C-alpha atoms as a PDB file:
ATOM      1  CA  MET A   1      58.471 109.327 132.488  1.00  0.00           C
ATOM      2  CA  GLY A   2      57.916 106.281 134.711  1.00  0.00           C
ATOM      3  CA  ALA A   3      59.674 105.476 137.954  1.00  0.00           C
ATOM      4  CA  THR A   4      62.760 103.276 137.772  1.00  0.00           C
ATOM      5  CA  LYS A   5      61.688 101.289 140.867  1.00  0.00           C
ATOM      6  CA  THR A   6      65.268 100.922 142.097  1.00  0.00           C
ATOM      7  CA  GLU A   7      63.920 100.262 145.580  1.00  0.00           C
ATOM      8  CA  HIS A   8      62.971  96.772 144.387  1.00  0.00           C
ATOM      9  CA  PHE A   9      66.645  95.838 144.006  1.00  0.00           C
ATOM     10  CA  SER A  10      69.369  95.245 146.556  1.00  0.00           C
ATOM     11  CA  SER A  11      71.777  98.016 147.484  1.00  0.00           C
ATOM     12  CA  LYS A  12      74.579  95.967 145.900  1.00  0.00           C
ATOM     13  CA  VAL A  13      72.736  95.746 142.565  1.00  0.00           C
ATOM     14  CA  ASN A  14      71.917  99.465 142.683  1.00  0.00           C
ATOM     15  CA  ALA A  15      75.552 100.331 143.466  1.00  0.00           C
ATOM     16  CA  ILE A  16      76.871  98.345 140.485  1.00  0.00           C
ATOM     17  CA  ALA A  17      74.199  99.898 138.250  1.00  0.00           C
ATOM     18  CA  ALA A  18      75.207 103.410 139.354  1.00  0.00           C
ATOM     19  CA  LEU A  19      78.874 102.706 138.596  1.00  0.00           C
ATOM     20  CA  ALA A  20      78.031 101.176 135.220  1.00  0.00           C
ATOM     21  CA  LYS A  21      75.742 104.094 134.354  1.00  0.00           C
ATOM     22  CA  ALA A  22      78.489 106.590 135.188  1.00  0.00           C
ATOM     23  CA  MET A  23      80.891 104.699 132.910  1.00  0.00           C
ATOM     24  CA  GLY A  24      78.248 104.472 130.173  1.00  0.00           C
ATOM     25  CA  HIS A  25      79.478 107.437 128.144  1.00  0.00           C
ATOM     26  CA  PRO A  26      82.587 107.479 125.927  1.00  0.00           C
ATOM     27  CA  ALA A  27      83.704 110.851 127.319  1.00  0.00           C
ATOM     28  CA  ARG A  28      83.672 109.440 130.857  1.00  0.00           C
ATOM     29  CA  VAL A  29      85.627 106.376 129.776  1.00  0.00           C
ATOM     30  CA  ALA A  30      88.161 108.710 128.133  1.00  0.00           C
ATOM     31  CA  ILE A  31      88.382 110.822 131.306  1.00  0.00           C
ATOM     32  CA  VAL A  32      89.018 107.738 133.448  1.00  0.00           C
ATOM     33  CA  GLU A  33      91.643 106.478 131.010  1.00  0.00           C
ATOM     34  CA  HIS A  34      93.350 109.884 131.031  1.00  0.00           C
ATOM     35  CA  LEU A  35      93.352 110.002 134.840  1.00  0.00           C
ATOM     36  CA  LEU A  36      94.886 106.525 134.934  1.00  0.00           C
ATOM     37  CA  LYS A  37      97.528 107.570 132.425  1.00  0.00           C
ATOM     38  CA  VAL A  38      98.611 110.695 134.322  1.00  0.00           C
ATOM     39  CA  ASN A  39      97.744 109.438 137.826  1.00  0.00           C
ATOM     40  CA  GLY A  40      95.675 112.525 138.643  1.00  0.00           C
ATOM     41  CA  CYS A  41      95.236 115.932 137.022  1.00  0.00           C
ATOM     42  CA  ILE A  42      93.186 119.115 137.103  1.00  0.00           C
ATOM     43  CA  CYS A  43      90.139 119.894 134.993  1.00  0.00           C
ATOM     44  CA  ASN A  44      92.004 122.137 132.551  1.00  0.00           C
ATOM     45  CA  ASP A  45      94.402 119.296 131.722  1.00  0.00           C
ATOM     46  CA  ILE A  46      91.435 117.140 130.766  1.00  0.00           C
ATOM     47  CA  VAL A  47      89.999 119.934 128.612  1.00  0.00           C
ATOM     48  CA  ASN A  48      93.276 119.991 126.664  1.00  0.00           C
ATOM     49  CA  GLU A  49      93.107 116.216 126.114  1.00  0.00           C
ATOM     50  CA  LEU A  50      89.511 115.744 124.962  1.00  0.00           C
ATOM     51  CA  PRO A  51      87.597 117.339 122.092  1.00  0.00           C
ATOM     52  CA  LEU A  52      84.925 118.706 124.426  1.00  0.00           C
ATOM     53  CA  SER A  53      84.203 122.077 125.986  1.00  0.00           C
ATOM     54  CA  GLN A  54      85.109 122.832 129.590  1.00  0.00           C
ATOM     55  CA  PRO A  55      81.454 122.931 130.757  1.00  0.00           C
ATOM     56  CA  THR A  56      80.783 119.545 129.118  1.00  0.00           C
ATOM     57  CA  ILE A  57      83.836 118.001 130.774  1.00  0.00           C
ATOM     58  CA  SER A  58      82.782 119.503 134.107  1.00  0.00           C
ATOM     59  CA  GLN A  59      79.390 117.783 133.786  1.00  0.00           C
ATOM     60  CA  HIS A  60      81.065 114.442 133.057  1.00  0.00           C
ATOM     61  CA  LEU A  61      83.453 114.924 135.988  1.00  0.00           C
ATOM     62  CA  LYS A  62      80.452 115.666 138.204  1.00  0.00           C
ATOM     63  CA  ALA A  63      78.725 112.428 137.137  1.00  0.00           C
ATOM     64  CA  LEU A  64      81.890 110.390 137.750  1.00  0.00           C
ATOM     65  CA  LYS A  65      82.405 112.019 141.140  1.00  0.00           C
ATOM     66  CA  GLU A  66      78.775 111.506 142.213  1.00  0.00           C
ATOM     67  CA  ALA A  67      79.094 107.809 141.334  1.00  0.00           C
ATOM     68  CA  GLY A  68      82.301 107.618 143.364  1.00  0.00           C
ATOM     69  CA  ILE A  69      84.515 106.636 140.435  1.00  0.00           C
ATOM     70  CA  ILE A  70      86.718 109.691 140.862  1.00  0.00           C
ATOM     71  CA  GLN A  71      87.650 111.892 143.788  1.00  0.00           C
ATOM     72  CA  GLY A  72      88.451 115.590 143.704  1.00  0.00           C
ATOM     73  CA  GLU A  73      90.502 117.813 145.941  1.00  0.00           C
ATOM     74  CA  VAL A  74      90.553 121.600 145.759  1.00  0.00           C
ATOM     75  CA  GLU A  75      94.034 122.988 145.076  1.00  0.00           C
ATOM     76  CA  GLY A  76      93.915 126.764 144.804  1.00  0.00           C
ATOM     77  CA  ASN A  77      91.509 127.682 142.013  1.00  0.00           C
ATOM     78  CA  SER A  78      91.515 124.169 140.537  1.00  0.00           C
ATOM     79  CA  ILE A  79      90.325 120.717 141.501  1.00  0.00           C
ATOM     80  CA  CYS A  80      92.762 117.839 141.290  1.00  0.00           C
ATOM     81  CA  TYR A  81      90.939 114.657 140.261  1.00  0.00           C
ATOM     82  CA  CYS A  82      92.063 111.076 140.713  1.00  0.00           C
ATOM     83  CA  ILE A  83      90.583 107.586 140.411  1.00  0.00           C
ATOM     84  CA  ASN A  84      88.846 106.063 143.429  1.00  0.00           C
ATOM     85  CA  PRO A  85      90.357 102.561 143.526  1.00  0.00           C
ATOM     86  CA  LYS A  86      87.466 101.198 145.631  1.00  0.00           C
ATOM     87  CA  ALA A  87      84.945 101.902 142.870  1.00  0.00           C
ATOM     88  CA  ILE A  88      87.148 100.337 140.206  1.00  0.00           C
ATOM     89  CA  HIS A  89      87.667  97.263 142.392  1.00  0.00           C
ATOM     90  CA  LYS A  90      83.883  96.916 142.774  1.00  0.00           C
ATOM     91  CA  LEU A  91      83.476  96.952 138.987  1.00  0.00           C
ATOM     92  CA  GLU A  92      86.386  94.566 138.567  1.00  0.00           C
ATOM     93  CA  ALA A  93      84.933  92.130 141.107  1.00  0.00           C
ATOM     94  CA  TYR A  94      81.483  92.253 139.517  1.00  0.00           C
ATOM     95  CA  PHE A  95      82.632  91.770 135.932  1.00  0.00           C
ATOM     96  CA  GLY A  96      85.225  89.217 137.046  1.00  0.00           C
ATOM     97  CA  LYS A  97      82.436  87.219 138.678  1.00  0.00           C
ATOM     98  CA  LEU A  98      80.377  87.415 135.492  1.00  0.00           C
ATOM     99  CA  SER A  99      83.318  86.327 133.387  1.00  0.00           C
ATOM    100  CA  SER A 100      84.115  83.469 135.745  1.00  0.00           C
ATOM    101  CA  LYS A 101      80.532  82.214 135.605  1.00  0.00           C
ATOM    102  CA  LEU A 102      80.554  82.363 131.817  1.00  0.00           C
ATOM    103  CA  ASN A 103      83.824  80.435 131.690  1.00  0.00           C
ATOM    104  CA  THR A 104      82.555  77.695 133.996  1.00  0.00           C
ATOM    105  CA  SER A 105      79.060  77.198 132.564  1.00  0.00           C
ATOM    106  CA  ASN A 106      77.943  75.540 129.399  1.00  0.00           C
ATOM    107  CA  LEU A 107      75.961  78.364 127.890  1.00  0.00           C
ATOM    108  CA  ASN A 108      74.772  77.478 124.438  1.00  0.00           C
ATOM    109  CA  CYS A 109      72.099  80.128 124.344  1.00  0.00           C
ATOM    110  CA  CYS A 110      71.454  81.727 120.960  1.00  0.00           C
ATOM    111  CA  THR A 111      74.282  79.927 119.176  1.00  0.00           C
END
């Protein structure tokens, strides 16, 4: 498999790509939505909400945590997860900027 050559892009572009990649799976979107709904929870709560096994959910939680989208705190034998607002604000700012540019330009491409 070839190299992705991420070093050719700015740190800002790489950061947005990492966040988007982490959100690029329906299970991860569902986990984020669940965390927003309950304002934090432990892994077992998520297992009860989604039609996935505990090891699969743990892998998705790991990917979200590595990207910085969620944070986890050890509480006894469990980890309490919550949304990292900074990461969501970065995504919001990026996609808001894209949307704003689309709304202000006359793009007639492919129509």
